[in-house]
PDB file of N, CA and C in Angstrom:
ATOM      1  N   MET A   1     102.084 102.889  85.523  1.00  0.00           N
ATOM      2  CA  MET A   1     102.480 102.544  86.877  1.00  0.00           C
ATOM      3  C   MET A   1     101.503 101.496  87.421  1.00  0.00           C
ATOM      4  N   GLU A   2     102.006 100.548  88.149  1.00  0.00           N
ATOM      5  CA  GLU A   2     101.205  99.460  88.703  1.00  0.00           C
ATOM      6  C   GLU A   2     100.320  99.982  89.841  1.00  0.00           C
ATOM      7  N   LEU A   3      99.169  99.335  90.039  1.00  0.00           N
ATOM      8  CA  LEU A   3      98.211  99.765  91.059  1.00  0.00           C
ATOM      9  C   LEU A   3      98.835  99.801  92.446  1.00  0.00           C
ATOM     10  N   THR A   4      99.661  98.831  92.774  1.00  0.00           N
ATOM     11  CA  THR A   4     100.295  98.799  94.093  1.00  0.00           C
ATOM     12  C   THR A   4     101.191 100.018  94.300  1.00  0.00           C
ATOM     13  N   GLU A   5     101.905 100.415  93.259  1.00  0.00           N
ATOM     14  CA  GLU A   5     102.744 101.613  93.348  1.00  0.00           C
ATOM     15  C   GLU A   5     101.900 102.865  93.512  1.00  0.00           C
ATOM     16  N   LEU A   6     100.824 102.953  92.747  1.00  0.00           N
ATOM     17  CA  LEU A   6      99.912 104.095  92.873  1.00  0.00           C
ATOM     18  C   LEU A   6      99.335 104.174  94.286  1.00  0.00           C
ATOM     19  N   PHE A   7      98.997 103.004  94.836  1.00  0.00           N
ATOM     20  CA  PHE A   7      98.436 102.938  96.184  1.00  0.00           C
ATOM     21  C   PHE A   7      99.459 103.429  97.203  1.00  0.00           C
ATOM     22  N   GLN A   8     100.698 103.015  97.072  1.00  0.00           N
ATOM     23  CA  GLN A   8     101.744 103.449  97.997  1.00  0.00           C
ATOM     24  C   GLN A   8     101.991 104.948  97.896  1.00  0.00           C
ATOM     25  N   LYS A   9     101.988 105.484  96.685  1.00  0.00           N
ATOM     26  CA  LYS A   9     102.167 106.930  96.501  1.00  0.00           C
ATOM     27  C   LYS A   9     100.981 107.697  97.095  1.00  0.00           C
ATOM     28  N   ALA A  10      99.778 107.149  96.951  1.00  0.00           N
ATOM     29  CA  ALA A  10      98.590 107.789  97.519  1.00  0.00           C
ATOM     30  C   ALA A  10      98.660 107.777  99.043  1.00  0.00           C
ATOM     31  N   GLN A  11      99.208 106.709  99.634  1.00  0.00           N
ATOM     32  CA  GLN A  11      99.383 106.652 101.086  1.00  0.00           C
ATOM     33  C   GLN A  11     100.299 107.781 101.549  1.00  0.00           C
ATOM     34  N   GLU A  12     101.401 107.969 100.853  1.00  0.00           N
ATOM     35  CA  GLU A  12     102.335 109.039 101.198  1.00  0.00           C
ATOM     36  C   GLU A  12     101.673 110.404 101.045  1.00  0.00           C
ATOM     37  N   LYS A  13     100.948 110.580  99.954  1.00  0.00           N
ATOM     38  CA  LYS A  13     100.283 111.852  99.690  1.00  0.00           C
ATOM     39  C   LYS A  13      99.203 112.142 100.733  1.00  0.00           C
ATOM     40  N   SER A  14      98.527 111.096 101.210  1.00  0.00           N
ATOM     41  CA  SER A  14      97.435 111.298 102.170  1.00  0.00           C
ATOM     42  C   SER A  14      97.944 111.902 103.476  1.00  0.00           C
ATOM     43  N   LYS A  15      99.215 111.667 103.799  1.00  0.00           N
ATOM     44  CA  LYS A  15      99.792 112.202 105.031  1.00  0.00           C
ATOM     45  C   LYS A  15     100.055 113.702 104.943  1.00  0.00           C
ATOM     46  N   THR A  16     100.049 114.248 103.731  1.00  0.00           N
ATOM     47  CA  THR A  16     100.333 115.670 103.543  1.00  0.00           C
ATOM     48  C   THR A  16      99.095 116.472 103.163  1.00  0.00           C
ATOM     49  N   LEU A  17      97.953 115.822 103.121  1.00  0.00           N
ATOM     50  CA  LEU A  17      96.720 116.527 102.756  1.00  0.00           C
ATOM     51  C   LEU A  17      96.317 117.509 103.851  1.00  0.00           C
ATOM     52  N   PRO A  18      95.683 118.608 103.458  1.00  0.00           N
ATOM     53  CA  PRO A  18      95.167 119.519 104.485  1.00  0.00           C
ATOM     54  C   PRO A  18      94.071 118.826 105.292  1.00  0.00           C
ATOM     55  N   SER A  19      93.725 119.381 106.408  1.00  0.00           N
ATOM     56  CA  SER A  19      92.676 118.795 107.260  1.00  0.00           C
ATOM     57  C   SER A  19      91.415 118.539 106.444  1.00  0.00           C
ATOM     58  N   GLN A  20      90.804 117.405 106.725  1.00  0.00           N
ATOM     59  CA  GLN A  20      89.601 116.991 106.010  1.00  0.00           C
ATOM     60  C   GLN A  20      88.485 116.713 107.011  1.00  0.00           C
ATOM     61  N   PRO A  21      87.236 116.789 106.560  1.00  0.00           N
ATOM     62  CA  PRO A  21      86.125 116.420 107.442  1.00  0.00           C
ATOM     63  C   PRO A  21      86.248 114.968 107.887  1.00  0.00           C
ATOM     64  N   PRO A  22      85.738 114.645 109.063  1.00  0.00           N
ATOM     65  CA  PRO A  22      85.850 113.274 109.588  1.00  0.00           C
ATOM     66  C   PRO A  22      85.333 112.194 108.645  1.00  0.00           C
ATOM     67  N   ASN A  23      84.278 112.489 107.883  1.00  0.00           N
ATOM     68  CA  ASN A  23      83.742 111.454 106.990  1.00  0.00           C
ATOM     69  C   ASN A  23      84.732 111.114 105.877  1.00  0.00           C
ATOM     70  N   VAL A  24      85.518 112.079 105.421  1.00  0.00           N
ATOM     71  CA  VAL A  24      86.531 111.814 104.408  1.00  0.00           C
ATOM     72  C   VAL A  24      87.643 110.956 105.009  1.00  0.00           C
ATOM     73  N   LEU A  25      88.034 111.276 106.238  1.00  0.00           N
ATOM     74  CA  LEU A  25      89.068 110.491 106.906  1.00  0.00           C
ATOM     75  C   LEU A  25      88.601 109.059 107.136  1.00  0.00           C
ATOM     76  N   LEU A  26      87.319 108.896 107.466  1.00  0.00           N
ATOM     77  CA  LEU A  26      86.782 107.538 107.637  1.00  0.00           C
ATOM     78  C   LEU A  26      86.784 106.771 106.318  1.00  0.00           C
ATOM     79  N   ASP A  27      86.485 107.466 105.227  1.00  0.00           N
ATOM     80  CA  ASP A  27      86.540 106.818 103.910  1.00  0.00           C
ATOM     81  C   ASP A  27      87.960 106.356 103.600  1.00  0.00           C
ATOM     82  N   LEU A  28      88.934 107.225 103.846  1.00  0.00           N
ATOM     83  CA  LEU A  28      90.327 106.856 103.613  1.00  0.00           C
ATOM     84  C   LEU A  28      90.714 105.657 104.470  1.00  0.00           C
ATOM     85  N   TYR A  29      90.355 105.710 105.744  1.00  0.00           N
ATOM     86  CA  TYR A  29      90.663 104.614 106.667  1.00  0.00           C
ATOM     87  C   TYR A  29      90.042 103.301 106.191  1.00  0.00           C
ATOM     88  N   SER A  30      88.760 103.342 105.872  1.00  0.00           N
ATOM     89  CA  SER A  30      88.063 102.099 105.520  1.00  0.00           C
ATOM     90  C   SER A  30      88.590 101.512 104.210  1.00  0.00           C
ATOM     91  N   LEU A  31      88.893 102.363 103.249  1.00  0.00           N
ATOM     92  CA  LEU A  31      89.450 101.858 101.989  1.00  0.00           C
ATOM     93  C   LEU A  31      90.851 101.284 102.200  1.00  0.00           C
ATOM     94  N   PHE A  32      91.652 101.953 103.031  1.00  0.00           N
ATOM     95  CA  PHE A  32      92.988 101.445 103.333  1.00  0.00           C
ATOM     96  C   PHE A  32      92.901 100.080 104.002  1.00  0.00           C
ATOM     97  N   LYS A  33      92.050  99.960 105.009  1.00  0.00           N
ATOM     98  CA  LYS A  33      91.917  98.684 105.724  1.00  0.00           C
ATOM     99  C   LYS A  33      91.404  97.585 104.802  1.00  0.00           C
ATOM    100  N   GLN A  34      90.433  97.902 103.960  1.00  0.00           N
ATOM    101  CA  GLN A  34      89.888  96.903 103.040  1.00  0.00           C
ATOM    102  C   GLN A  34      90.959  96.462 102.049  1.00  0.00           C
ATOM    103  N   ALA A  35      91.782  97.408 101.596  1.00  0.00           N
ATOM    104  CA  ALA A  35      92.831  97.084 100.626  1.00  0.00           C
ATOM    105  C   ALA A  35      93.946  96.257 101.248  1.00  0.00           C
ATOM    106  N   THR A  36      94.249  96.509 102.514  1.00  0.00           N
ATOM    107  CA  THR A  36      95.398  95.847 103.131  1.00  0.00           C
ATOM    108  C   THR A  36      95.037  94.640 103.991  1.00  0.00           C
ATOM    109  N   ALA A  37      93.834  94.629 104.574  1.00  0.00           N
ATOM    110  CA  ALA A  37      93.470  93.553 105.502  1.00  0.00           C
ATOM    111  C   ALA A  37      92.250  92.748 105.059  1.00  0.00           C
ATOM    112  N   GLY A  38      91.550  93.212 104.035  1.00  0.00           N
ATOM    113  CA  GLY A  38      90.347  92.506 103.595  1.00  0.00           C
ATOM    114  C   GLY A  38      89.144  92.886 104.442  1.00  0.00           C
ATOM    115  N   ASP A  39      88.141  92.011 104.443  1.00  0.00           N
ATOM    116  CA  ASP A  39      86.901  92.298 105.172  1.00  0.00           C
ATOM    117  C   ASP A  39      87.154  92.491 106.659  1.00  0.00           C
ATOM    118  N   VAL A  40      86.295  93.307 107.255  1.00  0.00           N
ATOM    119  CA  VAL A  40      86.393  93.632 108.675  1.00  0.00           C
ATOM    120  C   VAL A  40      86.387  92.360 109.523  1.00  0.00           C
ATOM    121  N   SER A  41      87.144  92.401 110.608  1.00  0.00           N
ATOM    122  CA  SER A  41      87.187  91.251 111.507  1.00  0.00           C
ATOM    123  C   SER A  41      87.095  91.748 112.944  1.00  0.00           C
ATOM    124  N   GLY A  42      86.841  90.832 113.845  1.00  0.00           N
ATOM    125  CA  GLY A  42      86.727  91.195 115.253  1.00  0.00           C
ATOM    126  C   GLY A  42      85.332  91.673 115.593  1.00  0.00           C
ATOM    127  N   GLU A  43      85.166  92.003 116.840  1.00  0.00           N
ATOM    128  CA  GLU A  43      83.868  92.466 117.320  1.00  0.00           C
ATOM    129  C   GLU A  43      83.751  93.975 117.181  1.00  0.00           C
ATOM    130  N   ARG A  44      82.529  94.402 116.994  1.00  0.00           N
ATOM    131  CA  ARG A  44      82.259  95.835 116.912  1.00  0.00           C
ATOM    132  C   ARG A  44      82.514  96.454 118.291  1.00  0.00           C
ATOM    133  N   PRO A  45      83.268  97.564 118.338  1.00  0.00           N
ATOM    134  CA  PRO A  45      83.544  98.212 119.632  1.00  0.00           C
ATOM    135  C   PRO A  45      82.255  98.641 120.345  1.00  0.00           C
ATOM    136  N   SER A  46      82.352  98.794 121.636  1.00  0.00           N
ATOM    137  CA  SER A  46      81.175  99.167 122.428  1.00  0.00           C
ATOM    138  C   SER A  46      80.714 100.579 122.079  1.00  0.00           C
ATOM    139  N   MET A  47      79.514 100.880 122.495  1.00  0.00           N
ATOM    140  CA  MET A  47      78.945 102.199 122.188  1.00  0.00           C
ATOM    141  C   MET A  47      79.686 103.323 122.913  1.00  0.00           C
ATOM    142  N   PHE A  48      80.526 102.988 123.871  1.00  0.00           N
ATOM    143  CA  PHE A  48      81.295 103.998 124.581  1.00  0.00           C
ATOM    144  C   PHE A  48      82.581 104.370 123.839  1.00  0.00           C
ATOM    145  N   ASP A  49      82.975 103.535 122.893  1.00  0.00           N
ATOM    146  CA  ASP A  49      84.147 103.803 122.060  1.00  0.00           C
ATOM    147  C   ASP A  49      83.664 104.370 120.722  1.00  0.00           C
ATOM    148  N   LEU A  50      83.317 105.646 120.723  1.00  0.00           N
ATOM    149  CA  LEU A  50      82.711 106.261 119.539  1.00  0.00           C
ATOM    150  C   LEU A  50      83.644 106.240 118.328  1.00  0.00           C
ATOM    151  N   LYS A  51      84.905 106.567 118.543  1.00  0.00           N
ATOM    152  CA  LYS A  51      85.859 106.603 117.436  1.00  0.00           C
ATOM    153  C   LYS A  51      86.079 105.199 116.869  1.00  0.00           C
ATOM    154  N   GLY A  52      86.307 104.236 117.735  1.00  0.00           N
ATOM    155  CA  GLY A  52      86.514 102.867 117.294  1.00  0.00           C
ATOM    156  C   GLY A  52      85.302 102.298 116.576  1.00  0.00           C
ATOM    157  N   ARG A  53      84.148 102.627 117.070  1.00  0.00           N
ATOM    158  CA  ARG A  53      82.899 102.149 116.470  1.00  0.00           C
ATOM    159  C   ARG A  53      82.699 102.758 115.078  1.00  0.00           C
ATOM    160  N   ALA A  54      82.987 104.049 114.943  1.00  0.00           N
ATOM    161  CA  ALA A  54      82.851 104.716 113.646  1.00  0.00           C
ATOM    162  C   ALA A  54      83.817 104.112 112.626  1.00  0.00           C
ATOM    163  N   LYS A  55      85.045 103.852 113.058  1.00  0.00           N
ATOM    164  CA  LYS A  55      86.029 103.250 112.169  1.00  0.00           C
ATOM    165  C   LYS A  55      85.604 101.837 111.757  1.00  0.00           C
ATOM    166  N   TYR A  56      85.123 101.063 112.722  1.00  0.00           N
ATOM    167  CA  TYR A  56      84.668  99.702 112.447  1.00  0.00           C
ATOM    168  C   TYR A  56      83.504  99.731 111.445  1.00  0.00           C
ATOM    169  N   ASP A  57      82.527 100.602 111.690  1.00  0.00           N
ATOM    170  CA  ASP A  57      81.355 100.689 110.814  1.00  0.00           C
ATOM    171  C   ASP A  57      81.733 101.113 109.397  1.00  0.00           C
ATOM    172  N   ALA A  58      82.675 102.060 109.289  1.00  0.00           N
ATOM    173  CA  ALA A  58      83.112 102.514 107.966  1.00  0.00           C
ATOM    174  C   ALA A  58      83.786 101.370 107.215  1.00  0.00           C
ATOM    175  N   TRP A  59      84.621 100.611 107.933  1.00  0.00           N
ATOM    176  CA  TRP A  59      85.300  99.474 107.308  1.00  0.00           C
ATOM    177  C   TRP A  59      84.301  98.389 106.936  1.00  0.00           C
ATOM    178  N   GLU A  60      83.347  98.136 107.807  1.00  0.00           N
ATOM    179  CA  GLU A  60      82.335  97.105 107.540  1.00  0.00           C
ATOM    180  C   GLU A  60      81.516  97.448 106.295  1.00  0.00           C
ATOM    181  N   ALA A  61      81.321  98.734 106.032  1.00  0.00           N
ATOM    182  CA  ALA A  61      80.563  99.161 104.860  1.00  0.00           C
ATOM    183  C   ALA A  61      81.265  98.777 103.553  1.00  0.00           C
ATOM    184  N   LYS A  62      82.555  98.515 103.616  1.00  0.00           N
ATOM    185  CA  LYS A  62      83.330  98.122 102.426  1.00  0.00           C
ATOM    186  C   LYS A  62      83.404  96.607 102.270  1.00  0.00           C
ATOM    187  N   LYS A  63      82.731  95.873 103.129  1.00  0.00           N
ATOM    188  CA  LYS A  63      82.767  94.414 103.115  1.00  0.00           C
ATOM    189  C   LYS A  63      82.416  93.884 101.727  1.00  0.00           C
ATOM    190  N   GLY A  64      83.223  92.941 101.258  1.00  0.00           N
ATOM    191  CA  GLY A  64      82.985  92.332  99.951  1.00  0.00           C
ATOM    192  C   GLY A  64      83.747  93.009  98.825  1.00  0.00           C
ATOM    193  N   MET A  65      84.289  94.200  99.063  1.00  0.00           N
ATOM    194  CA  MET A  65      85.057  94.906  98.043  1.00  0.00           C
ATOM    195  C   MET A  65      86.428  94.229  97.936  1.00  0.00           C
ATOM    196  N   SER A  66      86.885  93.966  96.736  1.00  0.00           N
ATOM    197  CA  SER A  66      88.196  93.340  96.570  1.00  0.00           C
ATOM    198  C   SER A  66      89.296  94.325  96.933  1.00  0.00           C
ATOM    199  N   ASN A  67      90.480  93.786  97.220  1.00  0.00           N
ATOM    200  CA  ASN A  67      91.575  94.694  97.574  1.00  0.00           C
ATOM    201  C   ASN A  67      91.959  95.578  96.389  1.00  0.00           C
ATOM    202  N   GLN A  68      91.816  95.076  95.177  1.00  0.00           N
ATOM    203  CA  GLN A  68      92.120  95.878  93.986  1.00  0.00           C
ATOM    204  C   GLN A  68      91.130  97.046  93.852  1.00  0.00           C
ATOM    205  N   GLU A  69      89.851  96.756  94.076  1.00  0.00           N
ATOM    206  CA  GLU A  69      88.836  97.819  94.021  1.00  0.00           C
ATOM    207  C   GLU A  69      89.081  98.856  95.110  1.00  0.00           C
ATOM    208  N   ALA A  70      89.429  98.377  96.303  1.00  0.00           N
ATOM    209  CA  ALA A  70      89.686  99.288  97.415  1.00  0.00           C
ATOM    210  C   ALA A  70      90.909 100.156  97.143  1.00  0.00           C
ATOM    211  N   MET A  71      91.960  99.566  96.589  1.00  0.00           N
ATOM    212  CA  MET A  71      93.152 100.346  96.247  1.00  0.00           C
ATOM    213  C   MET A  71      92.822 101.420  95.218  1.00  0.00           C
ATOM    214  N   SER A  72      92.083 101.036  94.191  1.00  0.00           N
ATOM    215  CA  SER A  72      91.702 101.998  93.144  1.00  0.00           C
ATOM    216  C   SER A  72      90.863 103.131  93.722  1.00  0.00           C
ATOM    217  N   ALA A  73      89.911 102.794  94.571  1.00  0.00           N
ATOM    218  CA  ALA A  73      89.055 103.813  95.190  1.00  0.00           C
ATOM    219  C   ALA A  73      89.864 104.717  96.109  1.00  0.00           C
ATOM    220  N   TYR A  74      90.822 104.160  96.831  1.00  0.00           N
ATOM    221  CA  TYR A  74      91.687 104.941  97.718  1.00  0.00           C
ATOM    222  C   TYR A  74      92.509 105.936  96.910  1.00  0.00           C
ATOM    223  N   VAL A  75      93.130 105.456  95.840  1.00  0.00           N
ATOM    224  CA  VAL A  75      93.942 106.329  94.979  1.00  0.00           C
ATOM    225  C   VAL A  75      93.080 107.443  94.402  1.00  0.00           C
ATOM    226  N   ALA A  76      91.884 107.106  93.925  1.00  0.00           N
ATOM    227  CA  ALA A  76      90.996 108.113  93.353  1.00  0.00           C
ATOM    228  C   ALA A  76      90.572 109.142  94.395  1.00  0.00           C
ATOM    229  N   LEU A  77      90.279 108.701  95.609  1.00  0.00           N
ATOM    230  CA  LEU A  77      89.865 109.622  96.653  1.00  0.00           C
ATOM    231  C   LEU A  77      91.005 110.567  97.035  1.00  0.00           C
ATOM    232  N   VAL A  78      92.196 110.048  97.190  1.00  0.00           N
ATOM    233  CA  VAL A  78      93.344 110.898  97.526  1.00  0.00           C
ATOM    234  C   VAL A  78      93.590 111.904  96.415  1.00  0.00           C
ATOM    235  N   ASP A  79      93.520 111.462  95.173  1.00  0.00           N
ATOM    236  CA  ASP A  79      93.718 112.374  94.039  1.00  0.00           C
ATOM    237  C   ASP A  79      92.674 113.478  94.018  1.00  0.00           C
ATOM    238  N   SER A  80      91.443 113.138  94.369  1.00  0.00           N
ATOM    239  CA  SER A  80      90.373 114.143  94.348  1.00  0.00           C
ATOM    240  C   SER A  80      90.511 115.176  95.475  1.00  0.00           C
ATOM    241  N   LEU A  81      91.265 114.833  96.510  1.00  0.00           N
ATOM    242  CA  LEU A  81      91.424 115.735  97.653  1.00  0.00           C
ATOM    243  C   LEU A  81      92.573 116.723  97.481  1.00  0.00           C
ATOM    244  N   GLY A  82      93.377 116.517  96.538  1.00  0.00           N
ATOM    245  CA  GLY A  82      94.456 117.490  96.354  1.00  0.00           C
ATOM    246  C   GLY A  82      95.591 116.886  95.715  1.00  0.00           C
TER     247      GLY A  82
END
């Protein structure tokens, strides 16, 4: 199966996973964004937007990762969760 297909199946599967700790959800978010949008863009949210700032920081940590690497890591993470 092609990586893009695996990535799409992992996206569907991620919606049915049991509740996960916030750090796992941030990993999923950041890998998804890196795979679909590339490196982080825009300004970092203010310190009053804790959720937005955490998401931005998680995505920024993946900076430089190719979309193929991000897709592979996303698929592997979803598979490891259930």
